[in-house]
Amino acid sequence: MSTVTALPETMPTTQTPGHAAAFFDLDGTLIKGSANIPLAKAAFRAGFVSKTELLHDLKNGVSFLLKGATDERSVEVRDRILQAVKGRKATELEAMGEGFIDQLVDAVQPASAALLAEHKAQGDARVIISASPTEIVSRLARELDLEFGIGTTAARQDGVYTGKLDGPFCYEQGKAVIIAAMAQENGWDLRDCSAYSDSISDLPMLEIVGHPGVINPDRELKMLAAQRGWPIVEISEWRAIRRRDMPLQAVRTVLGKLPL
């Protein structure tokens, strides 16, 4: 695999990577829902996909909301994106984010926002790691003033997408590979790092760090987390934890102490 490097646009010039890092899955963990839904709509408006392809992508997005991630669906979305951008200029995909990044910022879950703030106070680097395109993930990280945003990276030649991957697919074991490479590059001890996810597909990512935690877990991940004594944060529309500026101590009081 190619060496994973920090994306310059996601690194605030006044900060440097901390002694450890906190890795956040995106869909269902950091944000409510899936970033692929607004991405699919933006791709349709930009002429990347047809109406039939849009409807198919939206169906996949709704399926994610109801059932969570699956290997088959994630691979399908990856291949769809690679084919949709093939032959297109990278600047076109980067520009698409303009129309919906604010929606993703607004979709950040309060408990996740509190965790981001706590890790910042501790001096940790905060990383969004997602199967979504790196161009979108890195832009969201920049908008949230986070240190890194890493996603699935499509290969480019002379600024044009080739339709192939550059590096591993940022999903399942691929996330663990990327995390290990980032830790080596930045001098982080993985035993001091944290990771958060809602899906059993991210088990490799959770197992590679010393402090795993689950947020809105699917049933399989919830059962595993309970068996292993990992902290479980469950958020629903009916819970009182809604305010984005809610102090982490209040989150801990309601949901149980998190091993940060």
C-alpha atoms as a PDB file:
ATOM      1  CA  MET A   1       0.000   0.000   0.000  1.00  0.00           C
ATOM      2  CA  SER A   2       1.108   3.561  -0.590  1.00  0.00           C
ATOM      3  CA  THR A   3       2.163   5.607   2.423  1.00  0.00           C
ATOM      4  CA  VAL A   4      -0.758   7.430   3.994  1.00  0.00           C
ATOM      5  CA  THR A   5       0.010  11.100   4.471  1.00  0.00           C
ATOM      6  CA  ALA A   6      -1.881  13.937   6.074  1.00  0.00           C
ATOM      7  CA  LEU A   7      -4.010  15.896   3.648  1.00  0.00           C
ATOM      8  CA  PRO A   8      -2.602  19.441   3.805  1.00  0.00           C
ATOM      9  CA  GLU A   9      -6.015  21.053   3.543  1.00  0.00           C
ATOM     10  CA  THR A  10      -7.222  19.232   6.679  1.00  0.00           C
ATOM     11  CA  MET A  11      -4.332  20.329   8.886  1.00  0.00           C
ATOM     12  CA  PRO A  12      -4.917  23.694  10.635  1.00  0.00           C
ATOM     13  CA  THR A  13      -1.650  25.592  10.370  1.00  0.00           C
ATOM     14  CA  THR A  14      -1.706  26.444  14.087  1.00  0.00           C
ATOM     15  CA  GLN A  15      -1.894  22.806  15.220  1.00  0.00           C
ATOM     16  CA  THR A  16       0.264  19.699  15.015  1.00  0.00           C
ATOM     17  CA  PRO A  17      -0.714  16.065  15.466  1.00  0.00           C
ATOM     18  CA  GLY A  18      -0.931  15.137  19.146  1.00  0.00           C
ATOM     19  CA  HIS A  19       0.628  12.257  21.038  1.00  0.00           C
ATOM     20  CA  ALA A  20      -2.356  10.078  20.122  1.00  0.00           C
ATOM     21  CA  ALA A  21      -5.390  10.147  17.857  1.00  0.00           C
ATOM     22  CA  ALA A  22      -9.126   9.539  17.964  1.00  0.00           C
ATOM     23  CA  PHE A  23     -10.598   7.946  14.845  1.00  0.00           C
ATOM     24  CA  PHE A  24     -14.254   8.527  14.004  1.00  0.00           C
ATOM     25  CA  ASP A  25     -16.272   6.582  11.463  1.00  0.00           C
ATOM     26  CA  LEU A  26     -18.535   8.981   9.566  1.00  0.00           C
ATOM     27  CA  ASP A  27     -21.944   7.534   8.674  1.00  0.00           C
ATOM     28  CA  GLY A  28     -24.072   6.770  11.712  1.00  0.00           C
ATOM     29  CA  THR A  29     -21.205   7.545  14.114  1.00  0.00           C
ATOM     30  CA  LEU A  30     -20.046  11.117  13.651  1.00  0.00           C
ATOM     31  CA  ILE A  31     -23.158  12.143  11.744  1.00  0.00           C
ATOM     32  CA  LYS A  32     -26.756  11.004  11.664  1.00  0.00           C
ATOM     33  CA  GLY A  33     -27.494   9.062   8.498  1.00  0.00           C
ATOM     34  CA  SER A  34     -25.271   8.614   5.472  1.00  0.00           C
ATOM     35  CA  ALA A  35     -23.139  11.128   3.582  1.00  0.00           C
ATOM     36  CA  ASN A  36     -23.795   9.114   0.426  1.00  0.00           C
ATOM     37  CA  ILE A  37     -27.369  10.417   0.165  1.00  0.00           C
ATOM     38  CA  PRO A  38     -26.464  14.110  -0.321  1.00  0.00           C
ATOM     39  CA  LEU A  39     -23.437  13.004  -2.358  1.00  0.00           C
ATOM     40  CA  ALA A  40     -25.689  11.034  -4.723  1.00  0.00           C
ATOM     41  CA  LYS A  41     -27.995  14.017  -5.165  1.00  0.00           C
ATOM     42  CA  ALA A  42     -25.060  16.335  -5.852  1.00  0.00           C
ATOM     43  CA  ALA A  43     -23.614  13.835  -8.343  1.00  0.00           C
ATOM     44  CA  PHE A  44     -26.924  13.790 -10.213  1.00  0.00           C
ATOM     45  CA  ARG A  45     -27.121  17.581 -10.335  1.00  0.00           C
ATOM     46  CA  ALA A  46     -23.531  17.711 -11.641  1.00  0.00           C
ATOM     47  CA  GLY A  47     -24.263  15.177 -14.372  1.00  0.00           C
ATOM     48  CA  PHE A  48     -22.145  12.384 -12.905  1.00  0.00           C
ATOM     49  CA  VAL A  49     -25.045   9.909 -12.746  1.00  0.00           C
ATOM     50  CA  SER A  50     -28.389   9.376 -14.468  1.00  0.00           C
ATOM     51  CA  LYS A  51     -31.788   9.548 -12.777  1.00  0.00           C
ATOM     52  CA  THR A  52     -31.938   5.730 -12.717  1.00  0.00           C
ATOM     53  CA  GLU A  53     -28.522   5.582 -11.079  1.00  0.00           C
ATOM     54  CA  LEU A  54     -29.557   8.282  -8.607  1.00  0.00           C
ATOM     55  CA  LEU A  55     -32.627   6.303  -7.563  1.00  0.00           C
ATOM     56  CA  HIS A  56     -30.460   3.219  -7.087  1.00  0.00           C
ATOM     57  CA  ASP A  57     -27.972   5.177  -4.970  1.00  0.00           C
ATOM     58  CA  LEU A  58     -30.774   6.671  -2.859  1.00  0.00           C
ATOM     59  CA  LYS A  59     -32.190   3.177  -2.350  1.00  0.00           C
ATOM     60  CA  ASN A  60     -28.788   2.081  -1.051  1.00  0.00           C
ATOM     61  CA  GLY A  61     -28.704   5.106   1.224  1.00  0.00           C
ATOM     62  CA  VAL A  62     -32.118   4.332   2.682  1.00  0.00           C
ATOM     63  CA  SER A  63     -31.087   0.700   3.144  1.00  0.00           C
ATOM     64  CA  PHE A  64     -28.068   1.899   5.132  1.00  0.00           C
ATOM     65  CA  LEU A  65     -30.311   3.987   7.370  1.00  0.00           C
ATOM     66  CA  LEU A  66     -32.572   1.007   8.064  1.00  0.00           C
ATOM     67  CA  LYS A  67     -30.081  -1.873   8.154  1.00  0.00           C
ATOM     68  CA  GLY A  68     -26.596  -0.406   8.449  1.00  0.00           C
ATOM     69  CA  ALA A  69     -23.551  -1.134   6.318  1.00  0.00           C
ATOM     70  CA  THR A  70     -22.959  -4.410   4.504  1.00  0.00           C
ATOM     71  CA  ASP A  71     -19.863  -5.604   2.646  1.00  0.00           C
ATOM     72  CA  GLU A  72     -21.762  -6.125  -0.598  1.00  0.00           C
ATOM     73  CA  ARG A  73     -23.438  -2.726  -0.560  1.00  0.00           C
ATOM     74  CA  SER A  74     -20.237  -0.908   0.442  1.00  0.00           C
ATOM     75  CA  VAL A  75     -18.276  -2.480  -2.397  1.00  0.00           C
ATOM     76  CA  GLU A  76     -21.094  -1.618  -4.804  1.00  0.00           C
ATOM     77  CA  VAL A  77     -21.070   2.030  -3.716  1.00  0.00           C
ATOM     78  CA  ARG A  78     -17.274   2.137  -4.063  1.00  0.00           C
ATOM     79  CA  ASP A  79     -17.394   0.764  -7.608  1.00  0.00           C
ATOM     80  CA  ARG A  80     -20.259   3.076  -8.552  1.00  0.00           C
ATOM     81  CA  ILE A  81     -18.292   6.109  -7.394  1.00  0.00           C
ATOM     82  CA  LEU A  82     -15.106   5.013  -9.178  1.00  0.00           C
ATOM     83  CA  GLN A  83     -16.987   4.538 -12.460  1.00  0.00           C
ATOM     84  CA  ALA A  84     -18.941   7.772 -12.064  1.00  0.00           C
ATOM     85  CA  VAL A  85     -15.794   9.867 -11.652  1.00  0.00           C
ATOM     86  CA  LYS A  86     -13.673   8.063 -14.262  1.00  0.00           C
ATOM     87  CA  GLY A  87     -12.477  10.553 -16.848  1.00  0.00           C
ATOM     88  CA  ARG A  88     -13.656  13.503 -14.772  1.00  0.00           C
ATOM     89  CA  LYS A  89     -11.459  16.239 -13.343  1.00  0.00           C
ATOM     90  CA  ALA A  90     -10.837  15.987  -9.627  1.00  0.00           C
ATOM     91  CA  THR A  91     -11.853  19.605  -9.231  1.00  0.00           C
ATOM     92  CA  GLU A  92     -15.404  18.651 -10.267  1.00  0.00           C
ATOM     93  CA  LEU A  93     -15.824  16.230  -7.371  1.00  0.00           C
ATOM     94  CA  GLU A  94     -14.208  18.662  -4.972  1.00  0.00           C
ATOM     95  CA  ALA A  95     -16.665  21.359  -6.071  1.00  0.00           C
ATOM     96  CA  MET A  96     -19.663  19.087  -5.498  1.00  0.00           C
ATOM     97  CA  GLY A  97     -19.090  19.250  -1.769  1.00  0.00           C
ATOM     98  CA  GLU A  98     -19.959  22.949  -1.772  1.00  0.00           C
ATOM     99  CA  GLY A  99     -23.649  22.129  -1.980  1.00  0.00           C
ATOM    100  CA  PHE A 100     -23.979  19.811   0.999  1.00  0.00           C
ATOM    101  CA  ILE A 101     -21.016  20.057   3.389  1.00  0.00           C
ATOM    102  CA  ASP A 102     -23.080  22.368   5.604  1.00  0.00           C
ATOM    103  CA  GLN A 103     -25.711  19.608   5.863  1.00  0.00           C
ATOM    104  CA  LEU A 104     -23.065  17.182   7.102  1.00  0.00           C
ATOM    105  CA  VAL A 105     -21.774  19.696   9.627  1.00  0.00           C
ATOM    106  CA  ASP A 106     -25.309  20.167  10.952  1.00  0.00           C
ATOM    107  CA  ALA A 107     -25.768  16.374  11.130  1.00  0.00           C
ATOM    108  CA  VAL A 108     -22.920  15.868  13.619  1.00  0.00           C
ATOM    109  CA  GLN A 109     -24.384  14.084  16.632  1.00  0.00           C
ATOM    110  CA  PRO A 110     -24.142  15.931  19.966  1.00  0.00           C
ATOM    111  CA  ALA A 111     -22.383  13.106  21.807  1.00  0.00           C
ATOM    112  CA  SER A 112     -19.856  12.795  18.975  1.00  0.00           C
ATOM    113  CA  ALA A 113     -19.289  16.554  19.015  1.00  0.00           C
ATOM    114  CA  ALA A 114     -18.629  16.319  22.754  1.00  0.00           C
ATOM    115  CA  LEU A 115     -16.089  13.573  22.181  1.00  0.00           C
ATOM    116  CA  LEU A 116     -14.360  15.657  19.506  1.00  0.00           C
ATOM    117  CA  ALA A 117     -14.108  18.539  21.966  1.00  0.00           C
ATOM    118  CA  GLU A 118     -12.745  16.286  24.709  1.00  0.00           C
ATOM    119  CA  HIS A 119     -10.075  14.826  22.465  1.00  0.00           C
ATOM    120  CA  LYS A 120      -9.093  18.309  21.341  1.00  0.00           C
ATOM    121  CA  ALA A 121      -8.710  19.365  24.988  1.00  0.00           C
ATOM    122  CA  GLN A 122      -6.462  16.341  25.546  1.00  0.00           C
ATOM    123  CA  GLY A 123      -4.275  17.318  22.608  1.00  0.00           C
ATOM    124  CA  ASP A 124      -5.232  14.336  20.493  1.00  0.00           C
ATOM    125  CA  ALA A 125      -5.395  14.465  16.716  1.00  0.00           C
ATOM    126  CA  ARG A 126      -8.959  13.872  15.511  1.00  0.00           C
ATOM    127  CA  VAL A 127      -9.479  11.835  12.370  1.00  0.00           C
ATOM    128  CA  ILE A 128     -12.581  11.161  10.299  1.00  0.00           C
ATOM    129  CA  ILE A 129     -12.074   7.834   8.546  1.00  0.00           C
ATOM    130  CA  SER A 130     -14.739   6.791   6.078  1.00  0.00           C
ATOM    131  CA  ALA A 131     -15.442   4.771   2.950  1.00  0.00           C
ATOM    132  CA  SER A 132     -16.774   7.982   1.369  1.00  0.00           C
ATOM    133  CA  PRO A 133     -14.505   9.835  -1.097  1.00  0.00           C
ATOM    134  CA  THR A 134     -11.467  11.468   0.473  1.00  0.00           C
ATOM    135  CA  GLU A 135     -12.363  14.754  -1.254  1.00  0.00           C
ATOM    136  CA  ILE A 136     -15.624  14.927   0.721  1.00  0.00           C
ATOM    137  CA  VAL A 137     -14.239  13.573   3.994  1.00  0.00           C
ATOM    138  CA  SER A 138     -11.260  15.930   3.995  1.00  0.00           C
ATOM    139  CA  ARG A 139     -13.516  18.902   3.281  1.00  0.00           C
ATOM    140  CA  LEU A 140     -15.793  17.981   6.176  1.00  0.00           C
ATOM    141  CA  ALA A 141     -12.787  17.607   8.481  1.00  0.00           C
ATOM    142  CA  ARG A 142     -11.632  21.079   7.493  1.00  0.00           C
ATOM    143  CA  GLU A 143     -15.074  22.562   8.153  1.00  0.00           C
ATOM    144  CA  LEU A 144     -15.112  20.937  11.607  1.00  0.00           C
ATOM    145  CA  ASP A 145     -11.553  22.164  12.323  1.00  0.00           C
ATOM    146  CA  LEU A 146     -10.266  18.605  12.691  1.00  0.00           C
ATOM    147  CA  GLU A 147      -6.730  17.494  11.989  1.00  0.00           C
ATOM    148  CA  PHE A 148      -7.342  14.750   9.408  1.00  0.00           C
ATOM    149  CA  GLY A 149     -10.044  13.512   7.073  1.00  0.00           C
ATOM    150  CA  ILE A 150      -9.263  10.270   5.253  1.00  0.00           C
ATOM    151  CA  GLY A 151     -11.587   8.388   2.906  1.00  0.00           C
ATOM    152  CA  THR A 152     -11.467   6.135  -0.100  1.00  0.00           C
ATOM    153  CA  THR A 153      -9.093   7.741  -2.566  1.00  0.00           C
ATOM    154  CA  ALA A 154      -9.595   7.498  -6.314  1.00  0.00           C
ATOM    155  CA  ALA A 155      -6.414   7.503  -8.388  1.00  0.00           C
ATOM    156  CA  ARG A 156      -5.697  10.516 -10.587  1.00  0.00           C
ATOM    157  CA  GLN A 157      -3.542  11.129 -13.610  1.00  0.00           C
ATOM    158  CA  ASP A 158      -2.925  14.745 -14.565  1.00  0.00           C
ATOM    159  CA  GLY A 159      -5.840  15.752 -12.336  1.00  0.00           C
ATOM    160  CA  VAL A 160      -8.266  13.324 -13.991  1.00  0.00           C
ATOM    161  CA  TYR A 161      -9.682  10.232 -12.286  1.00  0.00           C
ATOM    162  CA  THR A 162      -8.580   6.903 -13.748  1.00  0.00           C
ATOM    163  CA  GLY A 163     -11.412   4.802 -12.314  1.00  0.00           C
ATOM    164  CA  LYS A 164      -9.035   2.902 -10.017  1.00  0.00           C
ATOM    165  CA  LEU A 165      -8.187   3.122  -6.331  1.00  0.00           C
ATOM    166  CA  ASP A 166      -5.120   4.864  -4.921  1.00  0.00           C
ATOM    167  CA  GLY A 167      -4.402   2.858  -1.786  1.00  0.00           C
ATOM    168  CA  PRO A 168      -6.759   0.559   0.109  1.00  0.00           C
ATOM    169  CA  PHE A 169     -10.525   0.709   0.112  1.00  0.00           C
ATOM    170  CA  CYS A 170     -11.239   2.641   3.338  1.00  0.00           C
ATOM    171  CA  TYR A 171     -13.616   0.014   4.683  1.00  0.00           C
ATOM    172  CA  GLU A 172     -13.370  -2.897   7.114  1.00  0.00           C
ATOM    173  CA  GLN A 173      -9.740  -4.129   7.183  1.00  0.00           C
ATOM    174  CA  GLY A 174      -8.706  -1.240   4.952  1.00  0.00           C
ATOM    175  CA  LYS A 175      -9.439   1.218   7.752  1.00  0.00           C
ATOM    176  CA  ALA A 176      -7.154  -0.680  10.122  1.00  0.00           C
ATOM    177  CA  VAL A 177      -4.374  -0.649   7.512  1.00  0.00           C
ATOM    178  CA  ILE A 178      -4.728   3.111   7.068  1.00  0.00           C
ATOM    179  CA  ILE A 179      -4.852   3.728  10.827  1.00  0.00           C
ATOM    180  CA  ALA A 180      -1.684   1.679  11.370  1.00  0.00           C
ATOM    181  CA  ALA A 181       0.119   3.610   8.618  1.00  0.00           C
ATOM    182  CA  MET A 182      -1.001   6.963  10.021  1.00  0.00           C
ATOM    183  CA  ALA A 183       0.108   5.964  13.525  1.00  0.00           C
ATOM    184  CA  GLN A 184       3.544   5.015  12.255  1.00  0.00           C
ATOM    185  CA  GLU A 185       3.861   8.209  10.258  1.00  0.00           C
ATOM    186  CA  ASN A 186       2.788  10.488  13.102  1.00  0.00           C
ATOM    187  CA  GLY A 187       4.404   8.668  16.011  1.00  0.00           C
ATOM    188  CA  TRP A 188       1.154   7.641  17.703  1.00  0.00           C
ATOM    189  CA  ASP A 189       1.106   4.657  20.026  1.00  0.00           C
ATOM    190  CA  LEU A 190      -2.028   2.768  19.014  1.00  0.00           C
ATOM    191  CA  ARG A 191      -2.491   1.669  22.628  1.00  0.00           C
ATOM    192  CA  ASP A 192      -3.155   5.335  23.454  1.00  0.00           C
ATOM    193  CA  CYS A 193      -5.494   5.901  20.516  1.00  0.00           C
ATOM    194  CA  SER A 194      -9.302   5.758  20.452  1.00  0.00           C
ATOM    195  CA  ALA A 195     -11.751   4.714  17.756  1.00  0.00           C
ATOM    196  CA  TYR A 196     -15.519   5.040  17.452  1.00  0.00           C
ATOM    197  CA  SER A 197     -17.982   3.313  15.132  1.00  0.00           C
ATOM    198  CA  ASP A 198     -21.580   2.157  14.821  1.00  0.00           C
ATOM    199  CA  SER A 199     -20.971  -0.904  12.633  1.00  0.00           C
ATOM    200  CA  ILE A 200     -19.555  -4.393  13.078  1.00  0.00           C
ATOM    201  CA  SER A 201     -17.802  -3.863   9.744  1.00  0.00           C
ATOM    202  CA  ASP A 202     -15.429  -1.534  11.612  1.00  0.00           C
ATOM    203  CA  LEU A 203     -14.312  -4.233  14.048  1.00  0.00           C
ATOM    204  CA  PRO A 204     -10.725  -4.203  12.653  1.00  0.00           C
ATOM    205  CA  MET A 205     -10.551  -0.458  13.299  1.00  0.00           C
ATOM    206  CA  LEU A 206     -11.863  -0.851  16.843  1.00  0.00           C
ATOM    207  CA  GLU A 207      -9.556  -3.757  17.680  1.00  0.00           C
ATOM    208  CA  ILE A 208      -6.376  -2.017  16.523  1.00  0.00           C
ATOM    209  CA  VAL A 209      -6.611   0.799  19.115  1.00  0.00           C
ATOM    210  CA  GLY A 210      -6.361   0.724  22.885  1.00  0.00           C
ATOM    211  CA  HIS A 211      -9.621   2.572  23.535  1.00  0.00           C
ATOM    212  CA  PRO A 212     -12.510   1.447  21.321  1.00  0.00           C
ATOM    213  CA  GLY A 213     -16.029   2.809  21.767  1.00  0.00           C
ATOM    214  CA  VAL A 214     -19.297   2.312  19.951  1.00  0.00           C
ATOM    215  CA  ILE A 215     -21.933   4.901  19.101  1.00  0.00           C
ATOM    216  CA  ASN A 216     -25.430   3.880  17.981  1.00  0.00           C
ATOM    217  CA  PRO A 217     -24.142   0.330  17.371  1.00  0.00           C
ATOM    218  CA  ASP A 218     -25.843  -2.211  15.161  1.00  0.00           C
ATOM    219  CA  ARG A 219     -27.068  -5.299  16.986  1.00  0.00           C
ATOM    220  CA  GLU A 220     -24.004  -7.444  16.343  1.00  0.00           C
ATOM    221  CA  LEU A 221     -21.572  -4.724  17.408  1.00  0.00           C
ATOM    222  CA  LYS A 222     -23.640  -3.913  20.481  1.00  0.00           C
ATOM    223  CA  MET A 223     -23.526  -7.532  21.631  1.00  0.00           C
ATOM    224  CA  LEU A 224     -19.781  -7.747  21.045  1.00  0.00           C
ATOM    225  CA  ALA A 225     -19.111  -4.443  22.805  1.00  0.00           C
ATOM    226  CA  ALA A 226     -21.103  -5.618  25.833  1.00  0.00           C
ATOM    227  CA  GLN A 227     -19.115  -8.853  25.952  1.00  0.00           C
ATOM    228  CA  ARG A 228     -15.801  -7.009  25.797  1.00  0.00           C
ATOM    229  CA  GLY A 229     -16.748  -4.208  28.148  1.00  0.00           C
ATOM    230  CA  TRP A 230     -16.426  -1.486  25.549  1.00  0.00           C
ATOM    231  CA  PRO A 231     -18.364   1.717  26.264  1.00  0.00           C
ATOM    232  CA  ILE A 232     -21.659   1.929  24.393  1.00  0.00           C
ATOM    233  CA  VAL A 233     -23.263   5.270  23.567  1.00  0.00           C
ATOM    234  CA  GLU A 234     -26.821   5.021  22.292  1.00  0.00           C
ATOM    235  CA  ILE A 235     -28.588   8.098  20.984  1.00  0.00           C
ATOM    236  CA  SER A 236     -32.130   8.330  19.707  1.00  0.00           C
ATOM    237  CA  GLU A 237     -34.577  11.061  18.783  1.00  0.00           C
ATOM    238  CA  TRP A 238     -36.256  10.550  22.149  1.00  0.00           C
ATOM    239  CA  ARG A 239     -33.224  10.958  24.358  1.00  0.00           C
ATOM    240  CA  ALA A 240     -32.498  14.213  26.115  1.00  0.00           C
ATOM    241  CA  ILE A 241     -28.967  14.479  24.748  1.00  0.00           C
ATOM    242  CA  ARG A 242     -29.572  16.842  21.872  1.00  0.00           C
ATOM    243  CA  ARG A 243     -27.493  19.962  22.485  1.00  0.00           C
ATOM    244  CA  ARG A 244     -24.311  20.095  20.433  1.00  0.00           C
ATOM    245  CA  ASP A 245     -22.484  22.044  23.164  1.00  0.00           C
ATOM    246  CA  MET A 246     -23.370  19.556  25.903  1.00  0.00           C
ATOM    247  CA  PRO A 247     -20.301  19.030  28.135  1.00  0.00           C
ATOM    248  CA  LEU A 248     -18.678  15.619  27.889  1.00  0.00           C
ATOM    249  CA  GLN A 249     -19.036  15.158  31.659  1.00  0.00           C
ATOM    250  CA  ALA A 250     -22.814  15.368  31.245  1.00  0.00           C
ATOM    251  CA  VAL A 251     -22.666  12.775  28.470  1.00  0.00           C
ATOM    252  CA  ARG A 252     -20.645  10.510  30.755  1.00  0.00           C
ATOM    253  CA  THR A 253     -23.122  10.937  33.593  1.00  0.00           C
ATOM    254  CA  VAL A 254     -26.037   9.812  31.438  1.00  0.00           C
ATOM    255  CA  LEU A 255     -24.377   7.209  29.242  1.00  0.00           C
ATOM    256  CA  GLY A 256     -21.584   5.889  31.450  1.00  0.00           C
ATOM    257  CA  LYS A 257     -17.956   6.863  31.702  1.00  0.00           C
ATOM    258  CA  LEU A 258     -16.014   6.660  28.463  1.00  0.00           C
ATOM    259  CA  PRO A 259     -12.356   5.503  28.587  1.00  0.00           C
ATOM    260  CA  LEU A 260     -10.751   8.559  27.102  1.00  0.00           C
END
